[in-house]
Amino acid sequence: MHAISLIFSDHSSVQHVRAVGQWDWGAAITIYGGTKNEVSYSETGGDVGRTTLGRGIWALATSHAYVHHNHVHHAAKHALDFDAYTSSSVCWSNLCEDNLQEGIFVEENSHDNVIVDNTCRRNKNGIGVYTLDVGPVKNNMFFGNTLEDNSMNGITAGGYGHNVTKHSEANVFFSNVANGNNKGSGESDGSTAQFNPMHGANTGDYWFGNVVGTDEKKFNPIP
């Protein structure tokens, strides 16, 4: 069940809508298959005091998806999910707040995507990068994002392991700013942090120039 679905569509655009998903296996707006589709300037999720089930925006097995300037809030699952086999896509200038899982999740063999200039606050994790079933999740770039007051990690990356492909590989993280994350409601082993580069298996991820504990935004995108 989805409010809006782009299924095997090319060159389609969803703009300026308010979309609410109702089922825990669905999403408010979904891009499945196809290429060069866009979701922008839209609001998805529930309301204060009423968390909607499902994801906010879900990209799955698609390429060249452009997801930008959306407000995703009060979703029970991942607010903005670049799921299995999503590639060569860009997620920028979104606000993801008050969601019960990740603000932005890049997972399951998603590769060659760019996540830039987003703000994720008061989620479980701000940004999550992980492989559980298929992988690796690799060659994605994360920069200029602001992670604030998330209950667990600002950014977390890794994989389930136990299989040579189930890991995070060659992802790059730079010029991200983390403030006030890790509220103490995370894992009992203390594996939450502002930046957590070792959430399970990974190889060749590269972290540099990330900032903890400052209100100054280090990255200013060109308009």
N, C-alpha and C. Protein backbone atom coordinates (compact mmCIF):
# COMPACT_ATOMS: atom_id res chain seq x y z
N MET A 1 0.85 -1.19 0.00
CA MET A 1 0.00 0.00 0.00
C MET A 1 0.89 1.25 0.00
N HIS A 2 0.66 2.12 -0.96
CA HIS A 2 1.43 3.35 -1.06
C HIS A 2 0.48 4.48 -1.43
N ALA A 3 0.82 5.68 -0.98
CA ALA A 3 0.01 6.82 -1.42
C ALA A 3 0.27 7.12 -2.90
N ILE A 4 1.57 7.13 -3.29
CA ILE A 4 1.95 7.39 -4.68
C ILE A 4 3.05 6.40 -5.05
N SER A 5 2.91 5.75 -6.22
CA SER A 5 3.92 4.79 -6.69
C SER A 5 4.32 5.11 -8.12
N LEU A 6 5.62 5.14 -8.34
CA LEU A 6 6.17 5.18 -9.70
C LEU A 6 6.77 3.80 -9.97
N ILE A 7 6.11 3.01 -10.79
CA ILE A 7 6.50 1.61 -11.01
C ILE A 7 7.04 1.47 -12.44
N PHE A 8 8.32 1.13 -12.55
CA PHE A 8 8.98 0.99 -13.85
C PHE A 8 8.72 2.21 -14.73
N SER A 9 8.80 3.36 -14.12
CA SER A 9 8.55 4.62 -14.81
C SER A 9 9.87 5.29 -15.15
N ASP A 10 9.89 6.06 -16.22
CA ASP A 10 11.05 6.85 -16.60
C ASP A 10 10.64 8.32 -16.71
N HIS A 11 11.52 9.19 -16.23
CA HIS A 11 11.32 10.63 -16.41
C HIS A 11 10.00 11.12 -15.81
N SER A 12 9.63 10.60 -14.64
CA SER A 12 8.44 11.08 -13.95
C SER A 12 8.84 11.92 -12.75
N SER A 13 7.94 12.80 -12.33
CA SER A 13 8.24 13.69 -11.21
C SER A 13 7.03 13.83 -10.30
N VAL A 14 7.28 13.69 -9.00
CA VAL A 14 6.27 13.95 -7.97
C VAL A 14 6.72 15.18 -7.21
N GLN A 15 5.90 16.23 -7.22
CA GLN A 15 6.28 17.49 -6.58
C GLN A 15 5.10 18.06 -5.80
N HIS A 16 5.42 18.72 -4.69
CA HIS A 16 4.46 19.53 -3.95
C HIS A 16 3.22 18.74 -3.53
N VAL A 17 3.43 17.56 -2.93
CA VAL A 17 2.31 16.78 -2.42
C VAL A 17 2.49 16.54 -0.92
N ARG A 18 1.39 16.21 -0.26
CA ARG A 18 1.39 15.71 1.11
C ARG A 18 0.93 14.27 1.03
N ALA A 19 1.81 13.32 1.36
CA ALA A 19 1.52 11.90 1.17
C ALA A 19 1.71 11.14 2.48
N VAL A 20 0.75 10.30 2.81
CA VAL A 20 0.78 9.54 4.06
C VAL A 20 0.68 8.06 3.74
N GLY A 21 1.64 7.27 4.22
CA GLY A 21 1.57 5.81 4.06
C GLY A 21 0.88 5.19 5.25
N GLN A 22 0.18 4.07 5.04
CA GLN A 22 -0.66 3.51 6.09
C GLN A 22 -0.26 2.11 6.55
N TRP A 23 0.61 1.40 5.83
CA TRP A 23 0.90 0.02 6.19
C TRP A 23 2.39 -0.15 6.44
N ASP A 24 2.70 -1.06 7.39
CA ASP A 24 4.07 -1.15 7.86
C ASP A 24 5.02 -1.72 6.81
N TRP A 25 4.50 -2.29 5.72
CA TRP A 25 5.39 -2.78 4.67
C TRP A 25 5.40 -1.86 3.46
N GLY A 26 4.74 -0.74 3.53
CA GLY A 26 4.65 0.17 2.39
C GLY A 26 5.38 1.47 2.62
N ALA A 27 5.01 2.47 1.87
CA ALA A 27 5.62 3.78 1.96
C ALA A 27 4.63 4.82 1.48
N ALA A 28 4.89 6.06 1.82
CA ALA A 28 4.04 7.13 1.31
C ALA A 28 4.30 7.35 -0.18
N ILE A 29 5.57 7.48 -0.58
CA ILE A 29 5.94 7.65 -1.99
C ILE A 29 7.01 6.63 -2.33
N THR A 30 6.80 5.88 -3.42
CA THR A 30 7.72 4.82 -3.81
C THR A 30 8.17 4.98 -5.26
N ILE A 31 9.48 4.81 -5.48
CA ILE A 31 10.03 4.68 -6.83
C ILE A 31 10.57 3.25 -6.94
N TYR A 32 9.96 2.44 -7.81
CA TYR A 32 10.39 1.06 -7.98
C TYR A 32 10.73 0.82 -9.44
N GLY A 33 12.01 0.46 -9.69
CA GLY A 33 12.44 0.24 -11.06
C GLY A 33 12.52 1.56 -11.82
N GLY A 34 12.73 1.45 -13.12
CA GLY A 34 12.79 2.65 -13.96
C GLY A 34 14.02 3.48 -13.70
N THR A 35 14.05 4.67 -14.31
CA THR A 35 15.21 5.53 -14.18
C THR A 35 14.80 6.99 -14.35
N LYS A 36 15.61 7.85 -13.79
CA LYS A 36 15.45 9.31 -13.93
C LYS A 36 14.08 9.79 -13.46
N ASN A 37 13.72 9.37 -12.24
CA ASN A 37 12.50 9.84 -11.61
C ASN A 37 12.83 10.75 -10.43
N GLU A 38 11.90 11.62 -10.06
CA GLU A 38 12.16 12.66 -9.07
C GLU A 38 11.03 12.72 -8.05
N VAL A 39 11.41 12.94 -6.78
CA VAL A 39 10.47 13.31 -5.73
C VAL A 39 11.02 14.55 -5.04
N SER A 40 10.25 15.64 -5.04
CA SER A 40 10.79 16.89 -4.52
C SER A 40 9.69 17.77 -3.93
N TYR A 41 10.10 18.65 -3.03
CA TYR A 41 9.23 19.67 -2.44
C TYR A 41 7.92 19.07 -1.91
N SER A 42 8.04 17.91 -1.28
CA SER A 42 6.86 17.22 -0.77
C SER A 42 7.02 16.93 0.72
N GLU A 43 5.89 16.63 1.37
CA GLU A 43 5.86 16.31 2.78
C GLU A 43 5.26 14.92 2.95
N THR A 44 5.98 14.05 3.64
CA THR A 44 5.48 12.70 3.86
C THR A 44 5.60 12.35 5.33
N GLY A 45 4.75 11.43 5.77
CA GLY A 45 4.78 10.97 7.14
C GLY A 45 3.54 11.34 7.90
N GLY A 46 3.61 11.22 9.23
CA GLY A 46 2.46 11.48 10.08
C GLY A 46 2.45 12.91 10.59
N ASP A 47 1.92 13.07 11.78
CA ASP A 47 1.85 14.37 12.42
C ASP A 47 2.34 14.22 13.85
N VAL A 48 2.55 15.33 14.51
CA VAL A 48 2.97 15.30 15.91
C VAL A 48 1.94 14.51 16.71
N GLY A 49 2.42 13.49 17.42
CA GLY A 49 1.53 12.66 18.21
C GLY A 49 0.86 11.54 17.44
N ARG A 50 1.13 11.46 16.11
CA ARG A 50 0.53 10.38 15.31
C ARG A 50 1.54 9.92 14.28
N THR A 51 2.23 8.85 14.63
CA THR A 51 3.24 8.31 13.73
C THR A 51 2.57 7.40 12.71
N THR A 52 2.79 7.70 11.43
CA THR A 52 2.23 6.85 10.38
C THR A 52 3.11 5.61 10.19
N LEU A 53 2.51 4.51 9.79
CA LEU A 53 3.27 3.29 9.55
C LEU A 53 4.00 3.38 8.21
N GLY A 54 5.05 2.57 8.08
CA GLY A 54 5.76 2.51 6.80
C GLY A 54 6.83 3.58 6.66
N ARG A 55 7.40 3.63 5.45
CA ARG A 55 8.46 4.57 5.14
C ARG A 55 7.87 5.89 4.63
N GLY A 56 8.73 6.90 4.58
CA GLY A 56 8.32 8.15 3.98
C GLY A 56 8.50 8.11 2.47
N ILE A 57 9.75 7.99 2.01
CA ILE A 57 10.07 7.90 0.58
C ILE A 57 10.96 6.69 0.39
N TRP A 58 10.62 5.83 -0.57
CA TRP A 58 11.29 4.53 -0.74
C TRP A 58 11.73 4.38 -2.18
N ALA A 59 13.04 4.30 -2.42
CA ALA A 59 13.59 4.03 -3.74
C ALA A 59 14.11 2.60 -3.75
N LEU A 60 13.68 1.80 -4.73
CA LEU A 60 14.02 0.38 -4.74
C LEU A 60 14.33 -0.07 -6.16
N ALA A 61 15.51 -0.65 -6.36
CA ALA A 61 15.90 -1.22 -7.66
C ALA A 61 15.71 -0.21 -8.79
N THR A 62 16.14 1.01 -8.56
CA THR A 62 16.01 2.07 -9.55
C THR A 62 17.37 2.74 -9.74
N SER A 63 17.48 3.56 -10.78
CA SER A 63 18.71 4.32 -10.98
C SER A 63 18.36 5.77 -11.30
N HIS A 64 19.32 6.64 -11.01
CA HIS A 64 19.16 8.07 -11.29
C HIS A 64 17.87 8.63 -10.71
N ALA A 65 17.59 8.27 -9.47
CA ALA A 65 16.48 8.90 -8.73
C ALA A 65 17.00 10.19 -8.10
N TYR A 66 16.15 11.22 -8.13
CA TYR A 66 16.53 12.52 -7.59
C TYR A 66 15.52 12.87 -6.51
N VAL A 67 15.98 12.87 -5.26
CA VAL A 67 15.10 13.07 -4.11
C VAL A 67 15.61 14.29 -3.36
N HIS A 68 14.85 15.38 -3.37
CA HIS A 68 15.40 16.62 -2.80
C HIS A 68 14.30 17.55 -2.29
N HIS A 69 14.68 18.34 -1.29
CA HIS A 69 13.82 19.37 -0.71
C HIS A 69 12.47 18.80 -0.22
N ASN A 70 12.55 17.62 0.42
CA ASN A 70 11.36 17.03 1.02
C ASN A 70 11.43 17.13 2.54
N HIS A 71 10.27 17.11 3.18
CA HIS A 71 10.17 17.06 4.64
C HIS A 71 9.54 15.73 5.01
N VAL A 72 10.33 14.85 5.63
CA VAL A 72 9.87 13.51 5.98
C VAL A 72 9.88 13.38 7.49
N HIS A 73 8.72 13.13 8.09
CA HIS A 73 8.64 13.16 9.55
C HIS A 73 7.56 12.21 10.07
N HIS A 74 7.77 11.75 11.31
CA HIS A 74 6.82 10.88 12.02
C HIS A 74 6.45 9.64 11.22
N ALA A 75 7.47 9.01 10.61
CA ALA A 75 7.30 7.70 9.99
C ALA A 75 7.80 6.62 10.95
N ALA A 76 7.18 5.44 10.89
CA ALA A 76 7.56 4.37 11.80
C ALA A 76 8.78 3.61 11.31
N LYS A 77 9.05 3.68 10.00
CA LYS A 77 10.23 3.01 9.44
C LYS A 77 11.23 4.05 8.95
N HIS A 78 12.10 3.65 8.04
CA HIS A 78 13.11 4.57 7.52
C HIS A 78 12.40 5.74 6.82
N ALA A 79 12.84 6.93 7.14
CA ALA A 79 12.18 8.10 6.55
C ALA A 79 12.43 8.17 5.05
N LEU A 80 13.69 8.08 4.67
CA LEU A 80 14.08 8.15 3.26
C LEU A 80 15.02 6.98 3.00
N ASP A 81 14.55 6.03 2.21
CA ASP A 81 15.24 4.74 2.08
C ASP A 81 15.71 4.52 0.65
N PHE A 82 17.04 4.49 0.46
CA PHE A 82 17.63 4.02 -0.80
C PHE A 82 17.90 2.53 -0.61
N ASP A 83 16.96 1.73 -1.05
CA ASP A 83 16.97 0.30 -0.75
C ASP A 83 17.64 -0.48 -1.88
N ALA A 84 17.48 -1.80 -1.87
CA ALA A 84 18.27 -2.73 -2.67
C ALA A 84 18.39 -2.32 -4.13
N TYR A 85 19.62 -2.31 -4.60
CA TYR A 85 19.98 -2.10 -6.01
C TYR A 85 19.63 -0.69 -6.51
N THR A 86 19.47 0.26 -5.62
CA THR A 86 19.32 1.65 -6.05
C THR A 86 20.71 2.20 -6.35
N SER A 87 20.86 2.84 -7.51
CA SER A 87 22.19 3.26 -7.94
C SER A 87 22.17 4.63 -8.60
N SER A 88 23.34 5.27 -8.59
CA SER A 88 23.57 6.51 -9.33
C SER A 88 22.48 7.55 -9.06
N SER A 89 22.03 7.61 -7.83
CA SER A 89 20.95 8.51 -7.45
C SER A 89 21.48 9.57 -6.48
N VAL A 90 20.71 10.65 -6.33
CA VAL A 90 21.13 11.77 -5.50
C VAL A 90 20.01 12.13 -4.53
N CYS A 91 20.39 12.30 -3.27
CA CYS A 91 19.47 12.70 -2.21
C CYS A 91 20.05 13.96 -1.58
N TRP A 92 19.37 15.11 -1.75
CA TRP A 92 19.96 16.35 -1.24
C TRP A 92 18.90 17.30 -0.68
N SER A 93 19.32 18.04 0.33
CA SER A 93 18.53 19.12 0.93
C SER A 93 17.17 18.66 1.42
N ASN A 94 17.12 17.47 2.03
CA ASN A 94 15.90 16.98 2.66
C ASN A 94 15.99 17.19 4.18
N LEU A 95 14.84 17.35 4.81
CA LEU A 95 14.74 17.42 6.26
C LEU A 95 14.01 16.18 6.73
N CYS A 96 14.71 15.33 7.52
CA CYS A 96 14.14 14.08 8.03
C CYS A 96 14.17 14.15 9.55
N GLU A 97 13.01 14.24 10.17
CA GLU A 97 12.99 14.44 11.63
C GLU A 97 11.85 13.66 12.28
N ASP A 98 12.11 13.24 13.52
CA ASP A 98 11.11 12.58 14.37
C ASP A 98 10.58 11.29 13.76
N ASN A 99 11.47 10.51 13.13
CA ASN A 99 11.12 9.21 12.59
C ASN A 99 11.64 8.11 13.52
N LEU A 100 10.97 6.96 13.54
CA LEU A 100 11.32 5.92 14.50
C LEU A 100 12.52 5.08 14.09
N GLN A 101 12.90 5.11 12.80
CA GLN A 101 14.11 4.43 12.37
C GLN A 101 15.06 5.46 11.75
N GLU A 102 15.80 5.10 10.72
CA GLU A 102 16.79 6.01 10.17
C GLU A 102 16.15 7.22 9.49
N GLY A 103 16.79 8.36 9.62
CA GLY A 103 16.39 9.51 8.82
C GLY A 103 16.64 9.23 7.35
N ILE A 104 17.84 8.76 7.01
CA ILE A 104 18.18 8.33 5.65
C ILE A 104 18.88 6.97 5.78
N PHE A 105 18.43 6.01 4.97
CA PHE A 105 19.01 4.66 5.01
C PHE A 105 19.47 4.28 3.61
N VAL A 106 20.72 3.92 3.47
CA VAL A 106 21.29 3.45 2.20
C VAL A 106 21.73 2.02 2.45
N GLU A 107 21.13 1.05 1.75
CA GLU A 107 21.29 -0.34 2.18
C GLU A 107 21.25 -1.32 1.01
N GLU A 108 21.62 -2.55 1.29
CA GLU A 108 21.37 -3.72 0.44
C GLU A 108 21.81 -3.54 -1.00
N ASN A 109 23.10 -3.41 -1.21
CA ASN A 109 23.67 -3.35 -2.55
C ASN A 109 23.37 -2.04 -3.28
N SER A 110 22.89 -1.03 -2.58
CA SER A 110 22.79 0.29 -3.19
C SER A 110 24.21 0.82 -3.41
N HIS A 111 24.43 1.45 -4.57
CA HIS A 111 25.80 1.83 -4.88
C HIS A 111 25.84 3.09 -5.75
N ASP A 112 26.95 3.81 -5.61
CA ASP A 112 27.23 4.99 -6.44
C ASP A 112 26.16 6.07 -6.28
N ASN A 113 25.67 6.23 -5.07
CA ASN A 113 24.71 7.28 -4.77
C ASN A 113 25.39 8.43 -4.02
N VAL A 114 24.79 9.60 -4.07
CA VAL A 114 25.31 10.78 -3.37
C VAL A 114 24.25 11.28 -2.40
N ILE A 115 24.64 11.44 -1.13
CA ILE A 115 23.77 11.93 -0.07
C ILE A 115 24.39 13.21 0.46
N VAL A 116 23.78 14.37 0.18
CA VAL A 116 24.45 15.64 0.45
C VAL A 116 23.48 16.68 1.00
N ASP A 117 23.93 17.43 1.99
CA ASP A 117 23.23 18.62 2.49
C ASP A 117 21.85 18.30 3.04
N ASN A 118 21.72 17.15 3.69
CA ASN A 118 20.45 16.81 4.36
C ASN A 118 20.57 17.07 5.86
N THR A 119 19.44 17.30 6.50
CA THR A 119 19.38 17.45 7.95
C THR A 119 18.54 16.32 8.52
N CYS A 120 19.13 15.55 9.45
CA CYS A 120 18.43 14.43 10.08
C CYS A 120 18.48 14.64 11.59
N ARG A 121 17.33 14.81 12.20
CA ARG A 121 17.32 15.07 13.63
C ARG A 121 16.17 14.34 14.32
N ARG A 122 16.45 13.93 15.55
CA ARG A 122 15.48 13.23 16.40
C ARG A 122 14.92 11.96 15.75
N ASN A 123 15.78 11.24 15.05
CA ASN A 123 15.45 9.91 14.55
C ASN A 123 16.14 8.87 15.43
N LYS A 124 16.05 7.59 15.06
CA LYS A 124 16.83 6.57 15.76
C LYS A 124 18.30 6.74 15.37
N ASN A 125 18.64 6.54 14.10
CA ASN A 125 19.94 6.93 13.56
C ASN A 125 19.72 8.06 12.56
N GLY A 126 20.66 8.97 12.49
CA GLY A 126 20.54 10.03 11.50
C GLY A 126 20.64 9.47 10.08
N ILE A 127 21.81 8.89 9.76
CA ILE A 127 22.03 8.21 8.48
C ILE A 127 22.58 6.81 8.77
N GLY A 128 21.98 5.81 8.14
CA GLY A 128 22.45 4.44 8.28
C GLY A 128 22.89 3.87 6.95
N VAL A 129 24.00 3.13 6.97
CA VAL A 129 24.51 2.44 5.78
C VAL A 129 24.72 0.99 6.19
N TYR A 130 24.01 0.06 5.54
CA TYR A 130 24.06 -1.31 6.06
C TYR A 130 23.65 -2.32 4.99
N THR A 131 24.23 -3.52 5.09
CA THR A 131 23.85 -4.68 4.27
C THR A 131 23.48 -5.83 5.19
N LEU A 132 22.24 -6.31 5.04
CA LEU A 132 21.78 -7.46 5.81
C LEU A 132 21.56 -8.67 4.93
N ASP A 133 20.92 -8.49 3.78
CA ASP A 133 20.53 -9.62 2.93
C ASP A 133 21.35 -9.73 1.65
N VAL A 134 21.55 -8.61 0.95
CA VAL A 134 22.36 -8.62 -0.28
C VAL A 134 23.35 -7.47 -0.21
N GLY A 135 24.49 -7.64 -0.83
CA GLY A 135 25.51 -6.60 -0.73
C GLY A 135 26.63 -6.82 -1.73
N PRO A 136 27.66 -6.02 -1.60
CA PRO A 136 27.84 -4.99 -0.57
C PRO A 136 27.10 -3.70 -0.90
N VAL A 137 26.96 -2.84 0.09
CA VAL A 137 26.54 -1.47 -0.14
C VAL A 137 27.83 -0.67 -0.31
N LYS A 138 28.02 -0.07 -1.52
CA LYS A 138 29.37 0.40 -1.82
C LYS A 138 29.37 1.66 -2.69
N ASN A 139 30.50 2.34 -2.62
CA ASN A 139 30.80 3.48 -3.49
C ASN A 139 29.77 4.61 -3.37
N ASN A 140 29.18 4.76 -2.20
CA ASN A 140 28.28 5.87 -1.97
C ASN A 140 29.03 7.01 -1.30
N MET A 141 28.58 8.23 -1.51
CA MET A 141 29.26 9.39 -0.97
C MET A 141 28.31 10.20 -0.10
N PHE A 142 28.77 10.56 1.10
CA PHE A 142 27.96 11.29 2.08
C PHE A 142 28.74 12.52 2.52
N PHE A 143 28.23 13.70 2.22
CA PHE A 143 28.95 14.90 2.67
C PHE A 143 28.00 16.06 2.89
N GLY A 144 28.41 16.95 3.80
CA GLY A 144 27.64 18.15 4.08
C GLY A 144 26.33 17.91 4.77
N ASN A 145 26.17 16.76 5.45
CA ASN A 145 24.93 16.46 6.14
C ASN A 145 25.02 16.89 7.61
N THR A 146 23.89 17.28 8.18
CA THR A 146 23.80 17.68 9.58
C THR A 146 22.99 16.64 10.34
N LEU A 147 23.57 16.07 11.40
CA LEU A 147 22.93 15.02 12.19
C LEU A 147 22.78 15.52 13.62
N GLU A 148 21.55 15.70 14.08
CA GLU A 148 21.31 16.34 15.37
C GLU A 148 20.32 15.56 16.23
N ASP A 149 20.71 15.31 17.48
CA ASP A 149 19.79 14.80 18.50
C ASP A 149 19.12 13.49 18.12
N ASN A 150 19.80 12.66 17.36
CA ASN A 150 19.29 11.32 17.08
C ASN A 150 19.59 10.42 18.28
N SER A 151 18.69 9.48 18.58
CA SER A 151 18.82 8.73 19.83
C SER A 151 19.99 7.77 19.82
N MET A 152 20.40 7.29 18.63
CA MET A 152 21.57 6.42 18.58
C MET A 152 22.71 7.13 17.85
N ASN A 153 23.03 6.75 16.64
CA ASN A 153 24.18 7.30 15.95
C ASN A 153 23.82 8.50 15.08
N GLY A 154 24.81 9.37 14.90
CA GLY A 154 24.66 10.38 13.86
C GLY A 154 24.74 9.72 12.49
N ILE A 155 25.84 9.03 12.21
CA ILE A 155 26.00 8.21 11.01
C ILE A 155 26.57 6.86 11.43
N THR A 156 26.02 5.77 10.90
CA THR A 156 26.51 4.43 11.18
C THR A 156 26.68 3.66 9.88
N ALA A 157 27.74 2.86 9.78
CA ALA A 157 28.02 2.12 8.55
C ALA A 157 28.55 0.73 8.89
N GLY A 158 28.12 -0.26 8.10
CA GLY A 158 28.62 -1.61 8.30
C GLY A 158 27.79 -2.64 7.56
N GLY A 159 27.82 -3.86 8.06
CA GLY A 159 27.08 -4.94 7.43
C GLY A 159 27.03 -6.14 8.33
N TYR A 160 26.16 -7.07 7.98
CA TYR A 160 25.92 -8.25 8.81
C TYR A 160 27.11 -9.20 8.84
N GLY A 161 27.93 -9.19 7.79
CA GLY A 161 29.05 -10.13 7.76
C GLY A 161 28.56 -11.55 7.50
N HIS A 162 29.32 -12.53 7.94
CA HIS A 162 28.99 -13.95 7.78
C HIS A 162 28.85 -14.35 6.31
N ASN A 163 29.18 -13.43 5.41
CA ASN A 163 29.13 -13.67 3.98
C ASN A 163 30.04 -12.62 3.36
N VAL A 164 30.80 -13.00 2.36
CA VAL A 164 31.81 -12.08 1.83
C VAL A 164 31.21 -10.83 1.20
N THR A 165 29.93 -10.84 0.87
CA THR A 165 29.33 -9.65 0.24
C THR A 165 28.56 -8.77 1.21
N LYS A 166 28.33 -9.24 2.42
CA LYS A 166 27.46 -8.50 3.34
C LYS A 166 28.27 -7.52 4.19
N HIS A 167 28.67 -6.44 3.54
CA HIS A 167 29.46 -5.44 4.24
C HIS A 167 29.30 -4.08 3.57
N SER A 168 29.82 -3.08 4.23
CA SER A 168 29.91 -1.73 3.68
C SER A 168 31.29 -1.58 3.04
N GLU A 169 31.33 -1.08 1.80
CA GLU A 169 32.60 -1.06 1.06
C GLU A 169 32.80 0.25 0.31
N ALA A 170 33.95 0.86 0.53
CA ALA A 170 34.42 2.00 -0.27
C ALA A 170 33.43 3.16 -0.29
N ASN A 171 32.70 3.34 0.81
CA ASN A 171 31.86 4.51 0.94
C ASN A 171 32.69 5.66 1.52
N VAL A 172 32.35 6.88 1.16
CA VAL A 172 33.13 8.04 1.56
C VAL A 172 32.25 8.99 2.38
N PHE A 173 32.77 9.42 3.53
CA PHE A 173 32.04 10.30 4.43
C PHE A 173 32.92 11.50 4.75
N PHE A 174 32.49 12.70 4.39
CA PHE A 174 33.29 13.87 4.73
C PHE A 174 32.43 15.11 4.92
N SER A 175 32.95 16.03 5.73
CA SER A 175 32.30 17.33 6.00
C SER A 175 30.88 17.18 6.51
N ASN A 176 30.63 16.13 7.28
CA ASN A 176 29.35 15.99 7.97
C ASN A 176 29.48 16.54 9.39
N VAL A 177 28.39 17.06 9.95
CA VAL A 177 28.40 17.66 11.28
C VAL A 177 27.43 16.91 12.17
N ALA A 178 27.90 16.45 13.33
CA ALA A 178 27.07 15.71 14.28
C ALA A 178 27.00 16.45 15.61
N ASN A 179 25.79 16.62 16.12
CA ASN A 179 25.57 17.29 17.40
C ASN A 179 24.55 16.54 18.23
N GLY A 180 24.87 16.23 19.48
CA GLY A 180 23.90 15.76 20.44
C GLY A 180 23.27 14.42 20.16
N ASN A 181 23.94 13.57 19.36
CA ASN A 181 23.42 12.23 19.11
C ASN A 181 23.82 11.31 20.27
N ASN A 182 23.43 10.04 20.17
CA ASN A 182 23.74 9.04 21.19
C ASN A 182 23.17 9.47 22.54
N LYS A 183 21.84 9.42 22.64
CA LYS A 183 21.15 9.85 23.84
C LYS A 183 21.12 8.80 24.94
N GLY A 184 21.86 7.69 24.74
CA GLY A 184 21.90 6.67 25.76
C GLY A 184 20.84 5.61 25.63
N SER A 185 20.07 5.64 24.53
CA SER A 185 19.02 4.63 24.33
C SER A 185 19.42 3.62 23.27
N GLY A 186 20.72 3.48 23.05
CA GLY A 186 21.20 2.62 21.97
C GLY A 186 21.49 1.21 22.45
N GLU A 187 22.49 0.58 21.83
CA GLU A 187 22.80 -0.80 22.13
C GLU A 187 23.45 -0.91 23.50
N SER A 188 23.23 -2.04 24.15
CA SER A 188 23.76 -2.24 25.50
C SER A 188 25.27 -2.32 25.51
N ASP A 189 25.89 -2.61 24.36
CA ASP A 189 27.34 -2.71 24.32
C ASP A 189 27.99 -1.34 24.07
N GLY A 190 27.18 -0.29 24.06
CA GLY A 190 27.74 1.05 23.89
C GLY A 190 28.13 1.38 22.48
N SER A 191 27.58 0.66 21.49
CA SER A 191 28.04 0.82 20.10
C SER A 191 27.30 1.94 19.37
N THR A 192 26.93 2.98 20.09
CA THR A 192 26.37 4.16 19.46
C THR A 192 27.32 5.32 19.62
N ALA A 193 27.28 6.25 18.69
CA ALA A 193 28.24 7.34 18.70
C ALA A 193 27.77 8.44 17.78
N GLN A 194 28.49 9.56 17.80
CA GLN A 194 28.21 10.59 16.81
C GLN A 194 28.45 10.03 15.41
N PHE A 195 29.62 9.40 15.23
CA PHE A 195 29.94 8.69 13.99
C PHE A 195 30.38 7.28 14.36
N ASN A 196 29.73 6.27 13.78
CA ASN A 196 30.05 4.88 14.09
C ASN A 196 30.45 4.17 12.80
N PRO A 197 31.74 4.12 12.48
CA PRO A 197 32.19 3.51 11.22
C PRO A 197 32.32 1.99 11.28
N MET A 198 32.03 1.38 12.42
CA MET A 198 32.26 -0.06 12.58
C MET A 198 31.01 -0.77 13.09
N HIS A 199 29.87 -0.54 12.44
CA HIS A 199 28.66 -1.25 12.80
C HIS A 199 28.62 -2.57 12.02
N GLY A 200 29.44 -3.50 12.44
CA GLY A 200 29.57 -4.76 11.72
C GLY A 200 30.67 -4.68 10.69
N ALA A 201 30.51 -5.46 9.61
CA ALA A 201 31.59 -5.67 8.65
C ALA A 201 31.70 -4.51 7.65
N ASN A 202 32.91 -4.10 7.40
CA ASN A 202 33.16 -3.10 6.36
C ASN A 202 34.58 -3.21 5.86
N THR A 203 34.81 -2.68 4.67
CA THR A 203 36.15 -2.66 4.11
C THR A 203 36.31 -1.44 3.22
N GLY A 204 37.36 -0.68 3.47
CA GLY A 204 37.71 0.42 2.58
C GLY A 204 36.84 1.65 2.67
N ASP A 205 35.97 1.77 3.68
CA ASP A 205 35.26 3.02 3.86
C ASP A 205 36.25 4.12 4.23
N TYR A 206 35.95 5.34 3.85
CA TYR A 206 36.90 6.44 4.05
C TYR A 206 36.17 7.60 4.72
N TRP A 207 36.66 8.00 5.89
CA TRP A 207 36.06 9.08 6.67
C TRP A 207 37.10 10.19 6.84
N PHE A 208 36.71 11.42 6.54
CA PHE A 208 37.63 12.52 6.81
C PHE A 208 36.85 13.84 6.94
N GLY A 209 37.39 14.76 7.74
CA GLY A 209 36.84 16.10 7.84
C GLY A 209 35.45 16.18 8.43
N ASN A 210 35.02 15.15 9.17
CA ASN A 210 33.72 15.22 9.83
C ASN A 210 33.89 15.92 11.18
N VAL A 211 32.84 16.61 11.64
CA VAL A 211 32.95 17.47 12.81
C VAL A 211 31.93 17.04 13.86
N VAL A 212 32.36 16.99 15.10
CA VAL A 212 31.50 16.62 16.22
C VAL A 212 31.37 17.81 17.17
N GLY A 213 30.14 18.06 17.61
CA GLY A 213 29.93 19.00 18.70
C GLY A 213 30.10 20.46 18.34
N THR A 214 29.63 20.85 17.19
CA THR A 214 29.68 22.26 16.82
C THR A 214 28.43 22.62 16.05
N ASP A 215 27.99 23.84 16.20
CA ASP A 215 26.81 24.30 15.47
C ASP A 215 27.17 24.90 14.13
N GLU A 216 28.46 24.98 13.85
CA GLU A 216 28.88 25.57 12.58
C GLU A 216 28.80 24.54 11.46
N LYS A 217 28.08 24.87 10.42
CA LYS A 217 27.99 23.97 9.27
C LYS A 217 29.21 24.16 8.39
N LYS A 218 29.97 23.10 8.19
CA LYS A 218 31.26 23.21 7.49
C LYS A 218 31.12 23.17 5.99
N PHE A 219 29.97 22.78 5.51
CA PHE A 219 29.80 22.65 4.06
C PHE A 219 28.67 23.56 3.62
N ASN A 220 28.95 24.40 2.64
CA ASN A 220 27.93 25.28 2.09
C ASN A 220 27.79 25.00 0.60
N PRO A 221 26.67 24.37 0.21
CA PRO A 221 26.54 24.01 -1.22
C PRO A 221 26.38 25.23 -2.09
N ILE A 222 26.86 25.11 -3.31
CA ILE A 222 26.65 26.16 -4.29
C ILE A 222 25.18 26.14 -4.70
N PRO A 223 24.50 27.29 -4.73
CA PRO A 223 23.07 27.28 -5.11
C PRO A 223 22.86 26.72 -6.51
